[in-house]
Amino acid sequence: MVLGAFAFAKLGLALYFSSLFISKSFCFLLAFLMASGDTVTTDESQNPSSSFYLHPGENPGATLINIQLDGANYHAWSRATKRALISKNKHKFLDGSVKNPEQGTALHDAWERCNMMVISLLTRAMNA
């Protein structure tokens, strides 16, 4: 079995812990299981660098934009909104770079959640 760098690091970590408080045979088993399960996830909604990712702490009631749009302050509001969306990696929903995936896919569900989060963010930052 050929180990990648990440799997090799996990193996080393498991062996380190074995010297601390766990039996050697259990650690070798743990290291093998960790190395054999070394797969790359393709679920975009679980990848923190993806636009489809939502951090567990994000919620529709969060206030990220401290300026309420009232018409006269559009430029300041626009800059604050852009900063907030870029910091959450959601600006691509606003500029159209992220397209709505085909319905019925897991990615479509992730897109729906993120899109609703962006709509909530924008709605909370506007005066009625």
C-alpha atoms as a PDB file:
ATOM      1  CA  MET A   1       0.000   0.000   0.000  1.00  0.00           C
ATOM      2  CA  VAL A   2       1.365   3.400  -0.997  1.00  0.00           C
ATOM      3  CA  LEU A   3       0.602   6.172   1.477  1.00  0.00           C
ATOM      4  CA  GLY A   4       0.048   9.774   0.472  1.00  0.00           C
ATOM      5  CA  ALA A   5       1.563  12.587   2.535  1.00  0.00           C
ATOM      6  CA  PHE A   6      -1.666  13.172   4.446  1.00  0.00           C
ATOM      7  CA  ALA A   7      -2.148   9.475   5.202  1.00  0.00           C
ATOM      8  CA  PHE A   8       1.481   9.232   6.283  1.00  0.00           C
ATOM      9  CA  ALA A   9       0.988  12.156   8.691  1.00  0.00           C
ATOM     10  CA  LYS A  10      -2.135  10.502  10.118  1.00  0.00           C
ATOM     11  CA  LEU A  11      -0.161   7.280  10.574  1.00  0.00           C
ATOM     12  CA  GLY A  12       2.550   9.169  12.451  1.00  0.00           C
ATOM     13  CA  LEU A  13      -0.051  10.853  14.649  1.00  0.00           C
ATOM     14  CA  ALA A  14      -1.647   7.521  15.496  1.00  0.00           C
ATOM     15  CA  LEU A  15       1.730   6.029  16.374  1.00  0.00           C
ATOM     16  CA  TYR A  16       2.549   9.032  18.552  1.00  0.00           C
ATOM     17  CA  PHE A  17      -0.655   8.600  20.509  1.00  0.00           C
ATOM     18  CA  SER A  18       0.120   4.911  20.901  1.00  0.00           C
ATOM     19  CA  SER A  19       3.261   5.751  22.821  1.00  0.00           C
ATOM     20  CA  LEU A  20       1.211   7.913  25.174  1.00  0.00           C
ATOM     21  CA  PHE A  21      -1.688   5.819  26.338  1.00  0.00           C
ATOM     22  CA  ILE A  22      -3.045   3.309  23.837  1.00  0.00           C
ATOM     23  CA  SER A  23      -1.855  -0.224  23.148  1.00  0.00           C
ATOM     24  CA  LYS A  24       0.368  -0.687  20.097  1.00  0.00           C
ATOM     25  CA  SER A  25      -1.934  -3.158  18.354  1.00  0.00           C
ATOM     26  CA  PHE A  26      -4.898  -0.806  18.677  1.00  0.00           C
ATOM     27  CA  CYS A  27      -2.865   2.092  17.267  1.00  0.00           C
ATOM     28  CA  PHE A  28      -1.680   0.087  14.278  1.00  0.00           C
ATOM     29  CA  LEU A  29      -5.297  -0.845  13.596  1.00  0.00           C
ATOM     30  CA  LEU A  30      -6.328   2.804  13.979  1.00  0.00           C
ATOM     31  CA  ALA A  31      -3.519   3.948  11.678  1.00  0.00           C
ATOM     32  CA  PHE A  32      -4.504   1.387   9.041  1.00  0.00           C
ATOM     33  CA  LEU A  33      -8.150   2.408   9.172  1.00  0.00           C
ATOM     34  CA  MET A  34      -7.261   6.088   8.930  1.00  0.00           C
ATOM     35  CA  ALA A  35      -4.908   5.505   5.996  1.00  0.00           C
ATOM     36  CA  SER A  36      -7.276   3.193   4.132  1.00  0.00           C
ATOM     37  CA  GLY A  37     -10.121   5.703   4.446  1.00  0.00           C
ATOM     38  CA  ASP A  38      -8.006   8.481   2.976  1.00  0.00           C
ATOM     39  CA  THR A  39     -10.438   9.768   0.369  1.00  0.00           C
ATOM     40  CA  VAL A  40     -11.104  13.200  -1.027  1.00  0.00           C
ATOM     41  CA  THR A  41     -14.648  14.422  -0.607  1.00  0.00           C
ATOM     42  CA  THR A  42     -16.331  15.808  -3.696  1.00  0.00           C
ATOM     43  CA  ASP A  43     -19.233  17.336  -1.755  1.00  0.00           C
ATOM     44  CA  GLU A  44     -18.859  21.058  -2.450  1.00  0.00           C
ATOM     45  CA  SER A  45     -21.103  21.965   0.473  1.00  0.00           C
ATOM     46  CA  GLN A  46     -18.532  20.469   2.884  1.00  0.00           C
ATOM     47  CA  ASN A  47     -15.506  22.212   1.362  1.00  0.00           C
ATOM     48  CA  PRO A  48     -14.781  25.449   3.305  1.00  0.00           C
ATOM     49  CA  SER A  49     -13.270  27.096   0.222  1.00  0.00           C
ATOM     50  CA  SER A  50     -16.415  26.486  -1.844  1.00  0.00           C
ATOM     51  CA  SER A  51     -19.129  29.081  -2.382  1.00  0.00           C
ATOM     52  CA  PHE A  52     -21.638  26.349  -1.482  1.00  0.00           C
ATOM     53  CA  TYR A  53     -20.222  25.947   2.039  1.00  0.00           C
ATOM     54  CA  LEU A  54     -22.164  27.304   5.018  1.00  0.00           C
ATOM     55  CA  HIS A  55     -20.370  27.476   8.330  1.00  0.00           C
ATOM     56  CA  PRO A  56     -22.422  25.988  11.198  1.00  0.00           C
ATOM     57  CA  GLY A  57     -22.410  29.413  12.874  1.00  0.00           C
ATOM     58  CA  GLU A  58     -24.010  31.167   9.903  1.00  0.00           C
ATOM     59  CA  ASN A  59     -27.704  31.881  10.173  1.00  0.00           C
ATOM     60  CA  PRO A  60     -30.289  34.025   8.358  1.00  0.00           C
ATOM     61  CA  GLY A  61     -30.607  36.365  11.352  1.00  0.00           C
ATOM     62  CA  ALA A  62     -26.935  37.348  11.397  1.00  0.00           C
ATOM     63  CA  THR A  63     -26.154  41.007  10.775  1.00  0.00           C
ATOM     64  CA  LEU A  64     -22.993  41.361   8.724  1.00  0.00           C
ATOM     65  CA  ILE A  65     -23.774  44.716   7.145  1.00  0.00           C
ATOM     66  CA  ASN A  66     -23.929  47.550   9.647  1.00  0.00           C
ATOM     67  CA  ILE A  67     -25.324  50.096   7.177  1.00  0.00           C
ATOM     68  CA  GLN A  68     -29.029  50.147   6.293  1.00  0.00           C
ATOM     69  CA  LEU A  69     -29.722  51.104   2.671  1.00  0.00           C
ATOM     70  CA  ASP A  70     -31.888  54.210   2.561  1.00  0.00           C
ATOM     71  CA  GLY A  71     -31.256  55.404  -0.997  1.00  0.00           C
ATOM     72  CA  ALA A  72     -28.888  58.256  -0.189  1.00  0.00           C
ATOM     73  CA  ASN A  73     -26.113  55.974   1.084  1.00  0.00           C
ATOM     74  CA  TYR A  74     -26.021  53.468  -1.781  1.00  0.00           C
ATOM     75  CA  HIS A  75     -22.241  53.649  -2.370  1.00  0.00           C
ATOM     76  CA  ALA A  76     -21.306  53.057   1.283  1.00  0.00           C
ATOM     77  CA  TRP A  77     -23.938  50.317   1.580  1.00  0.00           C
ATOM     78  CA  SER A  78     -22.727  48.679  -1.637  1.00  0.00           C
ATOM     79  CA  ARG A  79     -19.108  48.573  -0.426  1.00  0.00           C
ATOM     80  CA  ALA A  80     -20.125  47.166   2.966  1.00  0.00           C
ATOM     81  CA  THR A  81     -22.344  44.560   1.296  1.00  0.00           C
ATOM     82  CA  LYS A  82     -19.615  43.502  -1.121  1.00  0.00           C
ATOM     83  CA  ARG A  83     -17.100  43.162   1.742  1.00  0.00           C
ATOM     84  CA  ALA A  84     -19.539  41.053   3.769  1.00  0.00           C
ATOM     85  CA  LEU A  85     -20.378  38.760   0.844  1.00  0.00           C
ATOM     86  CA  ILE A  86     -16.745  38.331  -0.189  1.00  0.00           C
ATOM     87  CA  SER A  87     -15.747  37.526   3.404  1.00  0.00           C
ATOM     88  CA  LYS A  88     -18.370  34.749   3.461  1.00  0.00           C
ATOM     89  CA  ASN A  89     -17.430  33.591  -0.069  1.00  0.00           C
ATOM     90  CA  LYS A  90     -20.957  34.342  -1.312  1.00  0.00           C
ATOM     91  CA  HIS A  91     -20.337  37.280  -3.678  1.00  0.00           C
ATOM     92  CA  LYS A  92     -20.503  34.910  -6.643  1.00  0.00           C
ATOM     93  CA  PHE A  93     -24.208  34.350  -5.927  1.00  0.00           C
ATOM     94  CA  LEU A  94     -24.812  38.054  -6.439  1.00  0.00           C
ATOM     95  CA  ASP A  95     -22.716  38.539  -9.577  1.00  0.00           C
ATOM     96  CA  GLY A  96     -24.070  35.379 -11.239  1.00  0.00           C
ATOM     97  CA  SER A  97     -20.804  33.408 -11.295  1.00  0.00           C
ATOM     98  CA  VAL A  98     -22.437  30.570  -9.359  1.00  0.00           C
ATOM     99  CA  LYS A  99     -25.201  29.075 -11.468  1.00  0.00           C
ATOM    100  CA  ASN A 100     -28.188  27.213 -10.086  1.00  0.00           C
ATOM    101  CA  PRO A 101     -27.387  23.477 -10.447  1.00  0.00           C
ATOM    102  CA  GLU A 102     -29.910  21.018 -11.840  1.00  0.00           C
ATOM    103  CA  GLN A 103     -32.852  20.347  -9.537  1.00  0.00           C
ATOM    104  CA  GLY A 104     -32.803  17.097  -7.598  1.00  0.00           C
ATOM    105  CA  THR A 105     -29.056  17.118  -6.982  1.00  0.00           C
ATOM    106  CA  ALA A 106     -27.309  17.599  -3.648  1.00  0.00           C
ATOM    107  CA  LEU A 107     -25.534  20.630  -5.086  1.00  0.00           C
ATOM    108  CA  HIS A 108     -28.891  22.215  -5.919  1.00  0.00           C
ATOM    109  CA  ASP A 109     -29.944  21.871  -2.282  1.00  0.00           C
ATOM    110  CA  ALA A 110     -26.689  23.516  -1.166  1.00  0.00           C
ATOM    111  CA  TRP A 111     -27.244  26.311  -3.720  1.00  0.00           C
ATOM    112  CA  GLU A 112     -30.774  26.882  -2.352  1.00  0.00           C
ATOM    113  CA  ARG A 113     -29.480  27.183   1.218  1.00  0.00           C
ATOM    114  CA  CYS A 114     -26.718  29.595   0.253  1.00  0.00           C
ATOM    115  CA  ASN A 115     -29.003  31.632  -1.985  1.00  0.00           C
ATOM    116  CA  MET A 116     -31.513  32.018   0.857  1.00  0.00           C
ATOM    117  CA  MET A 117     -28.683  33.089   3.165  1.00  0.00           C
ATOM    118  CA  VAL A 118     -27.635  35.805   0.698  1.00  0.00           C
ATOM    119  CA  ILE A 119     -31.240  36.971   0.275  1.00  0.00           C
ATOM    120  CA  SER A 120     -31.647  37.133   4.067  1.00  0.00           C
ATOM    121  CA  LEU A 121     -28.428  39.104   4.409  1.00  0.00           C
ATOM    122  CA  LEU A 122     -29.531  41.621   1.783  1.00  0.00           C
ATOM    123  CA  THR A 123     -33.063  41.923   3.141  1.00  0.00           C
ATOM    124  CA  ARG A 124     -31.819  42.661   6.663  1.00  0.00           C
ATOM    125  CA  ALA A 125     -29.552  45.406   5.282  1.00  0.00           C
ATOM    126  CA  MET A 126     -32.361  47.361   3.601  1.00  0.00           C
ATOM    127  CA  ASN A 127     -34.893  49.766   5.094  1.00  0.00           C
ATOM    128  CA  ALA A 128     -38.461  48.833   4.377  1.00  0.00           C
END
